[in-house]
Amino acid sequence: MRTETEQQDAYREDILGAGYEVRTLSLRPDEEGDVVATLVRRTLPAGSRRAVLYVHGFVDYFFQTHLADAWLAAGFDFYALDLRKYGRSLREHQTPNYITSLDAYDEELDEASRIIREEEGHDVLVVMGHSTGGLVTSLWTHRRHGQGIVDGLVLNSPWFDLNASLFQRTLGTAAVHRLGTLRPRAVVGKLGSGYGRYLHRESGGEWEYDLAWKPHGGFPVVAGWLRAIRRGHAELNRGLAIDCPVFVACSDATSNPVKEPTRISSTDVVLDVAHIAGRAPKLGRLVTLVRIAGGIHDLALSPEPARAQFFEELGRWQQTYVPGADQG
């Protein structure tokens, strides 16, 4: 049973403070029990008929208020979705970030887009995904082909393949498929802490966020989750049919944070940007690819001037390809 503070249709003040509201979306229970997602909202004083919905990456949640500011300045109401078992949506009885099929996220994406369009009256919806969120939103937008739900898709360093050796991407993936079926919670890896330490203010970075929800070393990578990711990669590699304009942005270089620690501030140390650039044409008919010199994995968190370049390119694409709202 939902608590009074978690009613499906009730907004309340968010942890980000003034101007931000949050709404809990009750979802179908899974094998771990009750499941929720969380919709964060910040709207223009006079409102807008255009909106953007942001979806975070792995070991992540929405905290990037300057990203909301950029979309508000462009005339969009801003929404962000903390997916099930992430950030605001994580509950004590749950395995952090755990899922065994990316299709399951359709439930919260469908509900969030319904609220934005039908309940709150937006004519235009842009969906923006970062990293794993870029993979999830690409597949969901493909599955919603022809339904008129998404008017534009923005992908910030989307995760289109493992940043690993050919052996790990082939034979290693086959092993993960088997293990993910038999022992889905078996730990198969972990994240390094260098990127998180570079970002966070506590360790000398520029950004402030909750380390309980976005710890430097991440959460354990388990077989069932990685199997779901690799299935998503395979589906995307076969080619999608996204029927709205797509903006794909990534850094111009990849580096290894252990071997090249001095490059952590100017390259993507999480993904291989060649995979992103190579697979971008498989998304749909109209895809714009931008490479940001000196950009890091989350381009919106890049040091200047790369951050400004990312927002400039995004603004140029938005003005070119995203329709204006129907004012009736």
C-alpha atoms as a PDB file:
ATOM      1  CA  MET A   1       0.000   0.000   0.000  1.00  0.00           C
ATOM      2  CA  ARG A   2       1.324   3.462  -0.883  1.00  0.00           C
ATOM      3  CA  THR A   3       2.029   5.886   1.909  1.00  0.00           C
ATOM      4  CA  GLU A   4       0.312   9.244   1.967  1.00  0.00           C
ATOM      5  CA  THR A   5       3.527  10.943   0.795  1.00  0.00           C
ATOM      6  CA  GLU A   6       3.836   8.621  -2.192  1.00  0.00           C
ATOM      7  CA  GLN A   7       0.476   9.106  -3.878  1.00  0.00           C
ATOM      8  CA  GLN A   8       0.714   8.673  -7.618  1.00  0.00           C
ATOM      9  CA  ASP A   9      -0.661  12.136  -8.449  1.00  0.00           C
ATOM     10  CA  ALA A  10       0.934  14.277  -5.707  1.00  0.00           C
ATOM     11  CA  TYR A  11       3.949  16.523  -6.214  1.00  0.00           C
ATOM     12  CA  ARG A  12       5.995  17.657  -3.230  1.00  0.00           C
ATOM     13  CA  GLU A  13       9.189  19.663  -2.766  1.00  0.00           C
ATOM     14  CA  ASP A  14      12.285  17.900  -4.039  1.00  0.00           C
ATOM     15  CA  ILE A  15      15.677  17.599  -2.333  1.00  0.00           C
ATOM     16  CA  LEU A  16      17.056  20.107  -4.852  1.00  0.00           C
ATOM     17  CA  GLY A  17      15.022  22.823  -3.176  1.00  0.00           C
ATOM     18  CA  ALA A  18      13.114  25.816  -4.481  1.00  0.00           C
ATOM     19  CA  GLY A  19      11.550  25.365  -7.884  1.00  0.00           C
ATOM     20  CA  TYR A  20      11.924  21.575  -7.988  1.00  0.00           C
ATOM     21  CA  GLU A  21       9.020  19.241  -7.306  1.00  0.00           C
ATOM     22  CA  VAL A  22       8.957  15.458  -7.151  1.00  0.00           C
ATOM     23  CA  ARG A  23       6.284  12.849  -7.733  1.00  0.00           C
ATOM     24  CA  THR A  24       6.435   9.127  -6.985  1.00  0.00           C
ATOM     25  CA  LEU A  25       5.237   6.713  -9.688  1.00  0.00           C
ATOM     26  CA  SER A  26       4.060   3.390  -8.277  1.00  0.00           C
ATOM     27  CA  LEU A  27       4.995   0.495 -10.560  1.00  0.00           C
ATOM     28  CA  ARG A  28       4.250  -3.211 -10.694  1.00  0.00           C
ATOM     29  CA  PRO A  29       6.075  -5.128  -7.922  1.00  0.00           C
ATOM     30  CA  ASP A  30       8.920  -7.461  -8.867  1.00  0.00           C
ATOM     31  CA  GLU A  31      10.618 -10.372  -7.108  1.00  0.00           C
ATOM     32  CA  GLU A  32      12.140  -7.960  -4.561  1.00  0.00           C
ATOM     33  CA  GLY A  33       8.818  -6.341  -3.644  1.00  0.00           C
ATOM     34  CA  ASP A  34       7.351  -2.878  -4.197  1.00  0.00           C
ATOM     35  CA  VAL A  35       8.824  -0.818  -7.032  1.00  0.00           C
ATOM     36  CA  VAL A  36       8.644   2.919  -7.724  1.00  0.00           C
ATOM     37  CA  ALA A  37      10.138   5.460 -10.084  1.00  0.00           C
ATOM     38  CA  THR A  38      10.418   9.179  -9.400  1.00  0.00           C
ATOM     39  CA  LEU A  39       9.519  12.110 -11.644  1.00  0.00           C
ATOM     40  CA  VAL A  40      11.236  15.426 -10.900  1.00  0.00           C
ATOM     41  CA  ARG A  41       9.779  18.621 -12.325  1.00  0.00           C
ATOM     42  CA  ARG A  42      10.838  22.230 -12.757  1.00  0.00           C
ATOM     43  CA  THR A  43       8.632  24.446 -14.882  1.00  0.00           C
ATOM     44  CA  LEU A  44       8.780  27.944 -16.271  1.00  0.00           C
ATOM     45  CA  PRO A  45       6.764  30.537 -14.307  1.00  0.00           C
ATOM     46  CA  ALA A  46       4.296  30.913 -17.159  1.00  0.00           C
ATOM     47  CA  GLY A  47       4.570  27.275 -18.191  1.00  0.00           C
ATOM     48  CA  SER A  48       5.386  25.938 -21.636  1.00  0.00           C
ATOM     49  CA  ARG A  49       3.802  23.630 -24.182  1.00  0.00           C
ATOM     50  CA  ARG A  50       7.229  22.069 -24.778  1.00  0.00           C
ATOM     51  CA  ALA A  51       9.007  19.768 -22.325  1.00  0.00           C
ATOM     52  CA  VAL A  52      12.143  17.668 -21.977  1.00  0.00           C
ATOM     53  CA  LEU A  53      12.417  14.403 -20.028  1.00  0.00           C
ATOM     54  CA  TYR A  54      15.920  13.527 -18.809  1.00  0.00           C
ATOM     55  CA  VAL A  55      17.041   9.968 -17.966  1.00  0.00           C
ATOM     56  CA  HIS A  56      20.307   9.380 -16.071  1.00  0.00           C
ATOM     57  CA  GLY A  57      22.990   6.713 -16.468  1.00  0.00           C
ATOM     58  CA  PHE A  58      24.195   3.741 -14.390  1.00  0.00           C
ATOM     59  CA  VAL A  59      25.063   4.522 -10.747  1.00  0.00           C
ATOM     60  CA  ASP A  60      23.457   7.908 -11.233  1.00  0.00           C
ATOM     61  CA  TYR A  61      20.386  10.060 -10.634  1.00  0.00           C
ATOM     62  CA  PHE A  62      19.244  13.569 -11.546  1.00  0.00           C
ATOM     63  CA  PHE A  63      21.177  16.336  -9.795  1.00  0.00           C
ATOM     64  CA  GLN A  64      22.416  18.504 -12.687  1.00  0.00           C
ATOM     65  CA  THR A  65      20.427  21.685 -12.048  1.00  0.00           C
ATOM     66  CA  HIS A  66      22.420  23.627 -14.642  1.00  0.00           C
ATOM     67  CA  LEU A  67      21.099  21.204 -17.263  1.00  0.00           C
ATOM     68  CA  ALA A  68      17.554  22.086 -16.225  1.00  0.00           C
ATOM     69  CA  ASP A  69      18.504  25.775 -16.384  1.00  0.00           C
ATOM     70  CA  ALA A  70      19.670  25.373 -19.992  1.00  0.00           C
ATOM     71  CA  TRP A  71      16.407  23.765 -21.096  1.00  0.00           C
ATOM     72  CA  LEU A  72      14.324  26.333 -19.212  1.00  0.00           C
ATOM     73  CA  ALA A  73      16.264  29.124 -20.928  1.00  0.00           C
ATOM     74  CA  ALA A  74      15.389  27.494 -24.263  1.00  0.00           C
ATOM     75  CA  GLY A  75      11.681  27.643 -23.391  1.00  0.00           C
ATOM     76  CA  PHE A  76      11.092  24.072 -22.178  1.00  0.00           C
ATOM     77  CA  ASP A  77       9.583  22.790 -18.950  1.00  0.00           C
ATOM     78  CA  PHE A  78      12.065  20.333 -17.487  1.00  0.00           C
ATOM     79  CA  TYR A  79      11.408  16.829 -16.135  1.00  0.00           C
ATOM     80  CA  ALA A  80      13.819  14.134 -14.979  1.00  0.00           C
ATOM     81  CA  LEU A  81      13.149  10.492 -14.218  1.00  0.00           C
ATOM     82  CA  ASP A  82      15.001   8.556 -11.533  1.00  0.00           C
ATOM     83  CA  LEU A  83      14.467   5.019 -12.804  1.00  0.00           C
ATOM     84  CA  ARG A  84      13.456   2.167 -10.496  1.00  0.00           C
ATOM     85  CA  LYS A  85      16.157   1.274  -7.936  1.00  0.00           C
ATOM     86  CA  TYR A  86      18.147   4.444  -8.673  1.00  0.00           C
ATOM     87  CA  GLY A  87      18.523   7.608  -6.641  1.00  0.00           C
ATOM     88  CA  ARG A  88      15.244   8.870  -5.222  1.00  0.00           C
ATOM     89  CA  SER A  89      13.562   5.614  -6.278  1.00  0.00           C
ATOM     90  CA  LEU A  90      15.901   3.236  -4.412  1.00  0.00           C
ATOM     91  CA  ARG A  91      14.301   1.443  -1.451  1.00  0.00           C
ATOM     92  CA  GLU A  92      15.962  -0.485   1.379  1.00  0.00           C
ATOM     93  CA  HIS A  93      14.669  -3.873   0.216  1.00  0.00           C
ATOM     94  CA  GLN A  94      16.094  -3.441  -3.307  1.00  0.00           C
ATOM     95  CA  THR A  95      19.361  -4.317  -5.018  1.00  0.00           C
ATOM     96  CA  PRO A  96      20.666  -0.939  -6.269  1.00  0.00           C
ATOM     97  CA  ASN A  97      20.243  -0.366 -10.010  1.00  0.00           C
ATOM     98  CA  TYR A  98      19.217  -4.029 -10.573  1.00  0.00           C
ATOM     99  CA  ILE A  99      17.109  -5.151 -13.512  1.00  0.00           C
ATOM    100  CA  THR A 100      17.058  -8.210 -15.779  1.00  0.00           C
ATOM    101  CA  SER A 101      15.361  -6.702 -18.858  1.00  0.00           C
ATOM    102  CA  LEU A 102      15.621  -3.164 -20.202  1.00  0.00           C
ATOM    103  CA  ASP A 103      12.043  -3.485 -21.457  1.00  0.00           C
ATOM    104  CA  ALA A 104      10.884  -3.171 -17.850  1.00  0.00           C
ATOM    105  CA  TYR A 105      11.768   0.524 -17.937  1.00  0.00           C
ATOM    106  CA  ASP A 106       8.994   1.016 -20.492  1.00  0.00           C
ATOM    107  CA  GLU A 107       6.552   1.183 -17.581  1.00  0.00           C
ATOM    108  CA  GLU A 108       7.995   4.332 -16.017  1.00  0.00           C
ATOM    109  CA  LEU A 109       8.895   5.925 -19.349  1.00  0.00           C
ATOM    110  CA  ASP A 110       5.350   5.383 -20.602  1.00  0.00           C
ATOM    111  CA  GLU A 111       3.869   6.810 -17.412  1.00  0.00           C
ATOM    112  CA  ALA A 112       6.191   9.813 -17.309  1.00  0.00           C
ATOM    113  CA  SER A 113       5.501  10.688 -20.941  1.00  0.00           C
ATOM    114  CA  ARG A 114       1.755  10.259 -20.369  1.00  0.00           C
ATOM    115  CA  ILE A 115       1.847  12.650 -17.416  1.00  0.00           C
ATOM    116  CA  ILE A 116       3.887  15.211 -19.344  1.00  0.00           C
ATOM    117  CA  ARG A 117       1.716  15.097 -22.451  1.00  0.00           C
ATOM    118  CA  GLU A 118      -1.785  14.246 -21.256  1.00  0.00           C
ATOM    119  CA  GLU A 119      -2.009  15.468 -17.673  1.00  0.00           C
ATOM    120  CA  GLU A 120       0.229  18.503 -17.941  1.00  0.00           C
ATOM    121  CA  GLY A 121      -0.605  19.537 -21.486  1.00  0.00           C
ATOM    122  CA  HIS A 122       2.665  19.549 -23.406  1.00  0.00           C
ATOM    123  CA  ASP A 123       2.480  19.332 -27.196  1.00  0.00           C
ATOM    124  CA  VAL A 124       6.200  18.672 -27.748  1.00  0.00           C
ATOM    125  CA  LEU A 125       8.379  16.217 -25.851  1.00  0.00           C
ATOM    126  CA  VAL A 126      12.146  15.827 -26.154  1.00  0.00           C
ATOM    127  CA  VAL A 127      13.694  12.831 -24.374  1.00  0.00           C
ATOM    128  CA  MET A 128      17.317  13.080 -23.227  1.00  0.00           C
ATOM    129  CA  GLY A 129      19.388  10.114 -22.041  1.00  0.00           C
ATOM    130  CA  HIS A 130      22.909   9.889 -20.666  1.00  0.00           C
ATOM    131  CA  SER A 131      25.105   6.762 -20.920  1.00  0.00           C
ATOM    132  CA  THR A 132      22.948   3.757 -19.910  1.00  0.00           C
ATOM    133  CA  GLY A 133      19.989   6.127 -20.047  1.00  0.00           C
ATOM    134  CA  GLY A 134      20.934   6.768 -23.664  1.00  0.00           C
ATOM    135  CA  LEU A 135      20.669   3.063 -24.447  1.00  0.00           C
ATOM    136  CA  VAL A 136      17.392   2.711 -22.538  1.00  0.00           C
ATOM    137  CA  THR A 137      15.745   5.728 -24.175  1.00  0.00           C
ATOM    138  CA  SER A 138      16.941   4.736 -27.655  1.00  0.00           C
ATOM    139  CA  LEU A 139      15.328   1.301 -27.367  1.00  0.00           C
ATOM    140  CA  TRP A 140      12.139   2.710 -25.818  1.00  0.00           C
ATOM    141  CA  THR A 141      11.812   5.413 -28.498  1.00  0.00           C
ATOM    142  CA  HIS A 142      12.284   2.716 -31.151  1.00  0.00           C
ATOM    143  CA  ARG A 143       9.514   0.626 -29.578  1.00  0.00           C
ATOM    144  CA  ARG A 144       7.215   3.682 -29.596  1.00  0.00           C
ATOM    145  CA  HIS A 145       7.774   4.206 -33.335  1.00  0.00           C
ATOM    146  CA  GLY A 146       4.762   5.769 -35.024  1.00  0.00           C
ATOM    147  CA  GLN A 147       2.960   6.746 -31.806  1.00  0.00           C
ATOM    148  CA  GLY A 148       3.888  10.427 -31.846  1.00  0.00           C
ATOM    149  CA  ILE A 149       5.232  10.376 -28.286  1.00  0.00           C
ATOM    150  CA  VAL A 150       8.813  11.627 -28.803  1.00  0.00           C
ATOM    151  CA  ASP A 151       9.557  14.671 -30.973  1.00  0.00           C
ATOM    152  CA  GLY A 152      13.318  14.593 -30.475  1.00  0.00           C
ATOM    153  CA  LEU A 153      15.888  12.321 -28.825  1.00  0.00           C
ATOM    154  CA  VAL A 154      19.088  13.687 -27.255  1.00  0.00           C
ATOM    155  CA  LEU A 155      21.854  11.227 -26.350  1.00  0.00           C
ATOM    156  CA  ASN A 156      24.740  12.391 -24.151  1.00  0.00           C
ATOM    157  CA  SER A 157      27.537   9.792 -24.447  1.00  0.00           C
ATOM    158  CA  PRO A 158      25.109   6.883 -24.912  1.00  0.00           C
ATOM    159  CA  TRP A 159      26.300   3.378 -23.995  1.00  0.00           C
ATOM    160  CA  PHE A 160      26.189   1.409 -27.232  1.00  0.00           C
ATOM    161  CA  ASP A 161      28.834  -1.279 -26.519  1.00  0.00           C
ATOM    162  CA  LEU A 162      31.215  -2.485 -23.833  1.00  0.00           C
ATOM    163  CA  ASN A 163      34.429  -0.536 -23.511  1.00  0.00           C
ATOM    164  CA  ALA A 164      36.350  -3.813 -23.439  1.00  0.00           C
ATOM    165  CA  SER A 165      38.434  -6.177 -25.531  1.00  0.00           C
ATOM    166  CA  LEU A 166      36.998  -8.147 -28.441  1.00  0.00           C
ATOM    167  CA  PHE A 167      37.230 -11.294 -26.289  1.00  0.00           C
ATOM    168  CA  GLN A 168      35.134  -9.728 -23.531  1.00  0.00           C
ATOM    169  CA  ARG A 169      32.600  -8.392 -26.030  1.00  0.00           C
ATOM    170  CA  THR A 170      32.153 -11.804 -27.688  1.00  0.00           C
ATOM    171  CA  LEU A 171      33.036 -14.897 -25.669  1.00  0.00           C
ATOM    172  CA  GLY A 172      32.751 -12.951 -22.425  1.00  0.00           C
ATOM    173  CA  THR A 173      29.248 -11.877 -23.357  1.00  0.00           C
ATOM    174  CA  ALA A 174      28.249 -15.477 -24.092  1.00  0.00           C
ATOM    175  CA  ALA A 175      29.420 -16.435 -20.602  1.00  0.00           C
ATOM    176  CA  VAL A 176      27.454 -13.547 -19.084  1.00  0.00           C
ATOM    177  CA  HIS A 177      24.297 -14.722 -20.858  1.00  0.00           C
ATOM    178  CA  ARG A 178      24.643 -18.162 -19.292  1.00  0.00           C
ATOM    179  CA  LEU A 179      25.538 -16.909 -15.831  1.00  0.00           C
ATOM    180  CA  GLY A 180      22.842 -14.234 -15.967  1.00  0.00           C
ATOM    181  CA  THR A 181      20.250 -16.943 -16.489  1.00  0.00           C
ATOM    182  CA  LEU A 182      21.483 -19.259 -13.736  1.00  0.00           C
ATOM    183  CA  ARG A 183      22.748 -16.743 -11.144  1.00  0.00           C
ATOM    184  CA  PRO A 184      21.517 -13.265 -12.089  1.00  0.00           C
ATOM    185  CA  ARG A 185      22.871 -11.611  -8.915  1.00  0.00           C
ATOM    186  CA  ALA A 186      26.362 -13.075  -9.252  1.00  0.00           C
ATOM    187  CA  VAL A 187      28.910 -10.239  -9.187  1.00  0.00           C
ATOM    188  CA  VAL A 188      30.903 -10.070 -12.426  1.00  0.00           C
ATOM    189  CA  GLY A 189      32.689  -6.743 -12.075  1.00  0.00           C
ATOM    190  CA  LYS A 190      32.923  -3.334 -10.505  1.00  0.00           C
ATOM    191  CA  LEU A 191      33.526   0.247 -11.549  1.00  0.00           C
ATOM    192  CA  GLY A 192      36.695   2.175 -10.910  1.00  0.00           C
ATOM    193  CA  SER A 193      36.539   5.163  -8.581  1.00  0.00           C
ATOM    194  CA  GLY A 194      38.687   7.635 -10.533  1.00  0.00           C
ATOM    195  CA  TYR A 195      35.906   9.257 -12.566  1.00  0.00           C
ATOM    196  CA  GLY A 196      33.653   9.736  -9.550  1.00  0.00           C
ATOM    197  CA  ARG A 197      36.464  11.241  -7.497  1.00  0.00           C
ATOM    198  CA  TYR A 198      37.266  13.619 -10.326  1.00  0.00           C
ATOM    199  CA  LEU A 199      33.655  14.837 -10.417  1.00  0.00           C
ATOM    200  CA  HIS A 200      32.770  15.208  -6.742  1.00  0.00           C
ATOM    201  CA  ARG A 201      33.436  18.393  -4.791  1.00  0.00           C
ATOM    202  CA  GLU A 202      34.512  16.433  -1.712  1.00  0.00           C
ATOM    203  CA  SER A 203      37.548  15.093  -3.606  1.00  0.00           C
ATOM    204  CA  GLY A 204      38.388  18.284  -5.473  1.00  0.00           C
ATOM    205  CA  GLY A 205      35.792  18.184  -8.255  1.00  0.00           C
ATOM    206  CA  GLU A 206      33.192  20.734  -9.310  1.00  0.00           C
ATOM    207  CA  TRP A 207      29.947  18.897  -8.542  1.00  0.00           C
ATOM    208  CA  GLU A 208      27.903  18.147  -5.446  1.00  0.00           C
ATOM    209  CA  TYR A 209      25.707  15.029  -5.278  1.00  0.00           C
ATOM    210  CA  ASP A 210      24.667  12.266  -2.874  1.00  0.00           C
ATOM    211  CA  LEU A 211      27.398   9.634  -2.605  1.00  0.00           C
ATOM    212  CA  ALA A 212      24.882   7.112  -1.243  1.00  0.00           C
ATOM    213  CA  TRP A 213      23.148   7.196  -4.621  1.00  0.00           C
ATOM    214  CA  LYS A 214      26.204   7.813  -6.800  1.00  0.00           C
ATOM    215  CA  PRO A 215      29.202   6.322  -4.946  1.00  0.00           C
ATOM    216  CA  HIS A 216      32.653   6.737  -6.432  1.00  0.00           C
ATOM    217  CA  GLY A 217      33.132   3.000  -6.903  1.00  0.00           C
ATOM    218  CA  GLY A 218      29.570   2.424  -8.044  1.00  0.00           C
ATOM    219  CA  PHE A 219      27.510  -0.612  -7.136  1.00  0.00           C
ATOM    220  CA  PRO A 220      28.532  -4.198  -7.995  1.00  0.00           C
ATOM    221  CA  VAL A 221      27.994  -5.187 -11.620  1.00  0.00           C
ATOM    222  CA  VAL A 222      25.884  -8.356 -11.576  1.00  0.00           C
ATOM    223  CA  ALA A 223      25.320 -10.940 -14.295  1.00  0.00           C
ATOM    224  CA  GLY A 224      21.575 -10.472 -14.767  1.00  0.00           C
ATOM    225  CA  TRP A 225      21.932  -6.721 -15.219  1.00  0.00           C
ATOM    226  CA  LEU A 226      24.876  -7.051 -17.607  1.00  0.00           C
ATOM    227  CA  ARG A 227      22.998  -9.658 -19.629  1.00  0.00           C
ATOM    228  CA  ALA A 228      20.134  -7.170 -20.037  1.00  0.00           C
ATOM    229  CA  ILE A 229      22.580  -4.489 -21.175  1.00  0.00           C
ATOM    230  CA  ARG A 230      24.255  -6.782 -23.707  1.00  0.00           C
ATOM    231  CA  ARG A 231      20.886  -7.796 -25.127  1.00  0.00           C
ATOM    232  CA  GLY A 232      20.121  -4.104 -25.544  1.00  0.00           C
ATOM    233  CA  HIS A 233      23.454  -3.542 -27.271  1.00  0.00           C
ATOM    234  CA  ALA A 234      22.739  -6.397 -29.666  1.00  0.00           C
ATOM    235  CA  GLU A 235      19.287  -5.058 -30.518  1.00  0.00           C
ATOM    236  CA  LEU A 236      20.669  -1.603 -31.239  1.00  0.00           C
ATOM    237  CA  ASN A 237      23.510  -3.015 -33.334  1.00  0.00           C
ATOM    238  CA  ARG A 238      20.960  -4.750 -35.563  1.00  0.00           C
ATOM    239  CA  GLY A 239      19.496  -1.329 -36.314  1.00  0.00           C
ATOM    240  CA  LEU A 240      16.609   0.688 -34.901  1.00  0.00           C
ATOM    241  CA  ALA A 241      13.833   2.676 -36.573  1.00  0.00           C
ATOM    242  CA  ILE A 242      13.598   5.803 -34.421  1.00  0.00           C
ATOM    243  CA  ASP A 243      11.257   8.142 -36.266  1.00  0.00           C
ATOM    244  CA  CYS A 244      12.208  11.484 -34.717  1.00  0.00           C
ATOM    245  CA  PRO A 245      15.383  13.578 -35.069  1.00  0.00           C
ATOM    246  CA  VAL A 246      18.249  12.282 -32.912  1.00  0.00           C
ATOM    247  CA  PHE A 247      21.160  14.269 -31.482  1.00  0.00           C
ATOM    248  CA  VAL A 248      24.164  12.164 -30.430  1.00  0.00           C
ATOM    249  CA  ALA A 249      27.090  13.812 -28.667  1.00  0.00           C
ATOM    250  CA  CYS A 250      30.292  12.335 -27.267  1.00  0.00           C
ATOM    251  CA  SER A 251      33.856  13.298 -26.508  1.00  0.00           C
ATOM    252  CA  ASP A 252      36.481  13.346 -29.226  1.00  0.00           C
ATOM    253  CA  ALA A 253      38.690  10.878 -27.334  1.00  0.00           C
ATOM    254  CA  THR A 254      38.717   7.927 -24.943  1.00  0.00           C
ATOM    255  CA  SER A 255      41.403   7.164 -22.390  1.00  0.00           C
ATOM    256  CA  ASN A 256      42.164   4.726 -19.593  1.00  0.00           C
ATOM    257  CA  PRO A 257      41.930   6.506 -16.209  1.00  0.00           C
ATOM    258  CA  VAL A 258      44.461   4.166 -14.608  1.00  0.00           C
ATOM    259  CA  LYS A 259      47.078   4.360 -17.346  1.00  0.00           C
ATOM    260  CA  GLU A 260      46.452   8.007 -18.273  1.00  0.00           C
ATOM    261  CA  PRO A 261      45.154   9.771 -15.133  1.00  0.00           C
ATOM    262  CA  THR A 262      46.061  13.228 -16.429  1.00  0.00           C
ATOM    263  CA  ARG A 263      43.506  12.846 -19.260  1.00  0.00           C
ATOM    264  CA  ILE A 264      40.529  12.185 -17.003  1.00  0.00           C
ATOM    265  CA  SER A 265      39.503  15.852 -17.272  1.00  0.00           C
ATOM    266  CA  SER A 266      39.402  15.947 -21.075  1.00  0.00           C
ATOM    267  CA  THR A 267      38.363  12.505 -22.372  1.00  0.00           C
ATOM    268  CA  ASP A 268      35.708   9.849 -21.864  1.00  0.00           C
ATOM    269  CA  VAL A 269      37.181   7.383 -19.378  1.00  0.00           C
ATOM    270  CA  VAL A 270      34.012   5.247 -19.221  1.00  0.00           C
ATOM    271  CA  LEU A 271      33.060   4.429 -22.822  1.00  0.00           C
ATOM    272  CA  ASP A 272      34.848   4.002 -26.134  1.00  0.00           C
ATOM    273  CA  VAL A 273      33.665   6.987 -28.157  1.00  0.00           C
ATOM    274  CA  ALA A 274      34.432   5.114 -31.400  1.00  0.00           C
ATOM    275  CA  HIS A 275      31.564   2.756 -30.526  1.00  0.00           C
ATOM    276  CA  ILE A 276      29.220   5.711 -30.067  1.00  0.00           C
ATOM    277  CA  ALA A 277      30.189   7.345 -33.350  1.00  0.00           C
ATOM    278  CA  GLY A 278      30.142   4.049 -35.247  1.00  0.00           C
ATOM    279  CA  ARG A 279      26.713   2.963 -34.093  1.00  0.00           C
ATOM    280  CA  ALA A 280      24.931   6.328 -34.181  1.00  0.00           C
ATOM    281  CA  PRO A 281      23.777   5.837 -37.817  1.00  0.00           C
ATOM    282  CA  LYS A 282      21.968   2.650 -36.741  1.00  0.00           C
ATOM    283  CA  LEU A 283      19.472   4.636 -34.650  1.00  0.00           C
ATOM    284  CA  GLY A 284      17.229   5.974 -37.388  1.00  0.00           C
ATOM    285  CA  ARG A 285      16.852   8.054 -40.515  1.00  0.00           C
ATOM    286  CA  LEU A 286      17.851  11.474 -39.136  1.00  0.00           C
ATOM    287  CA  VAL A 287      20.834  11.436 -36.770  1.00  0.00           C
ATOM    288  CA  THR A 288      23.181  14.312 -35.940  1.00  0.00           C
ATOM    289  CA  LEU A 289      26.565  13.327 -34.452  1.00  0.00           C
ATOM    290  CA  VAL A 290      28.682  15.889 -32.592  1.00  0.00           C
ATOM    291  CA  ARG A 291      32.149  15.293 -31.136  1.00  0.00           C
ATOM    292  CA  ILE A 292      33.053  17.606 -28.258  1.00  0.00           C
ATOM    293  CA  ALA A 293      36.762  18.409 -27.976  1.00  0.00           C
ATOM    294  CA  GLY A 294      37.878  17.987 -24.369  1.00  0.00           C
ATOM    295  CA  GLY A 295      34.544  16.539 -23.280  1.00  0.00           C
ATOM    296  CA  ILE A 296      34.266  13.969 -20.494  1.00  0.00           C
ATOM    297  CA  HIS A 297      31.803  11.097 -20.164  1.00  0.00           C
ATOM    298  CA  ASP A 298      28.904  13.237 -18.941  1.00  0.00           C
ATOM    299  CA  LEU A 299      29.315  16.110 -21.353  1.00  0.00           C
ATOM    300  CA  ALA A 300      27.090  18.327 -19.209  1.00  0.00           C
ATOM    301  CA  LEU A 301      29.668  17.995 -16.392  1.00  0.00           C
ATOM    302  CA  SER A 302      32.688  18.677 -18.603  1.00  0.00           C
ATOM    303  CA  PRO A 303      35.075  21.471 -17.662  1.00  0.00           C
ATOM    304  CA  GLU A 304      34.916  24.618 -19.745  1.00  0.00           C
ATOM    305  CA  PRO A 305      35.095  25.279 -22.626  1.00  0.00           C
ATOM    306  CA  ALA A 306      33.852  21.778 -23.547  1.00  0.00           C
ATOM    307  CA  ARG A 307      30.674  22.160 -21.477  1.00  0.00           C
ATOM    308  CA  ALA A 308      29.724  25.382 -23.235  1.00  0.00           C
ATOM    309  CA  GLN A 309      30.397  23.782 -26.619  1.00  0.00           C
ATOM    310  CA  PHE A 310      28.090  20.885 -25.753  1.00  0.00           C
ATOM    311  CA  PHE A 311      25.245  23.205 -24.776  1.00  0.00           C
ATOM    312  CA  GLU A 312      25.851  25.380 -27.822  1.00  0.00           C
ATOM    313  CA  GLU A 313      25.651  22.405 -30.191  1.00  0.00           C
ATOM    314  CA  LEU A 314      22.578  21.068 -28.385  1.00  0.00           C
ATOM    315  CA  GLY A 315      20.881  24.465 -28.663  1.00  0.00           C
ATOM    316  CA  ARG A 316      21.651  24.697 -32.371  1.00  0.00           C
ATOM    317  CA  TRP A 317      20.199  21.222 -32.980  1.00  0.00           C
ATOM    318  CA  GLN A 318      17.105  21.962 -30.892  1.00  0.00           C
ATOM    319  CA  GLN A 319      16.370  25.157 -32.789  1.00  0.00           C
ATOM    320  CA  THR A 320      16.750  23.325 -36.097  1.00  0.00           C
ATOM    321  CA  TYR A 321      14.912  20.071 -35.488  1.00  0.00           C
ATOM    322  CA  VAL A 322      12.529  20.335 -32.521  1.00  0.00           C
ATOM    323  CA  PRO A 323       9.100  21.652 -33.500  1.00  0.00           C
ATOM    324  CA  GLY A 324       7.485  24.611 -31.785  1.00  0.00           C
ATOM    325  CA  ALA A 325       4.483  23.982 -29.572  1.00  0.00           C
ATOM    326  CA  ASP A 326       1.023  23.967 -31.071  1.00  0.00           C
ATOM    327  CA  GLN A 327      -0.608  27.029 -29.631  1.00  0.00           C
ATOM    328  CA  GLY A 328      -3.980  26.033 -31.091  1.00  0.00           C
END
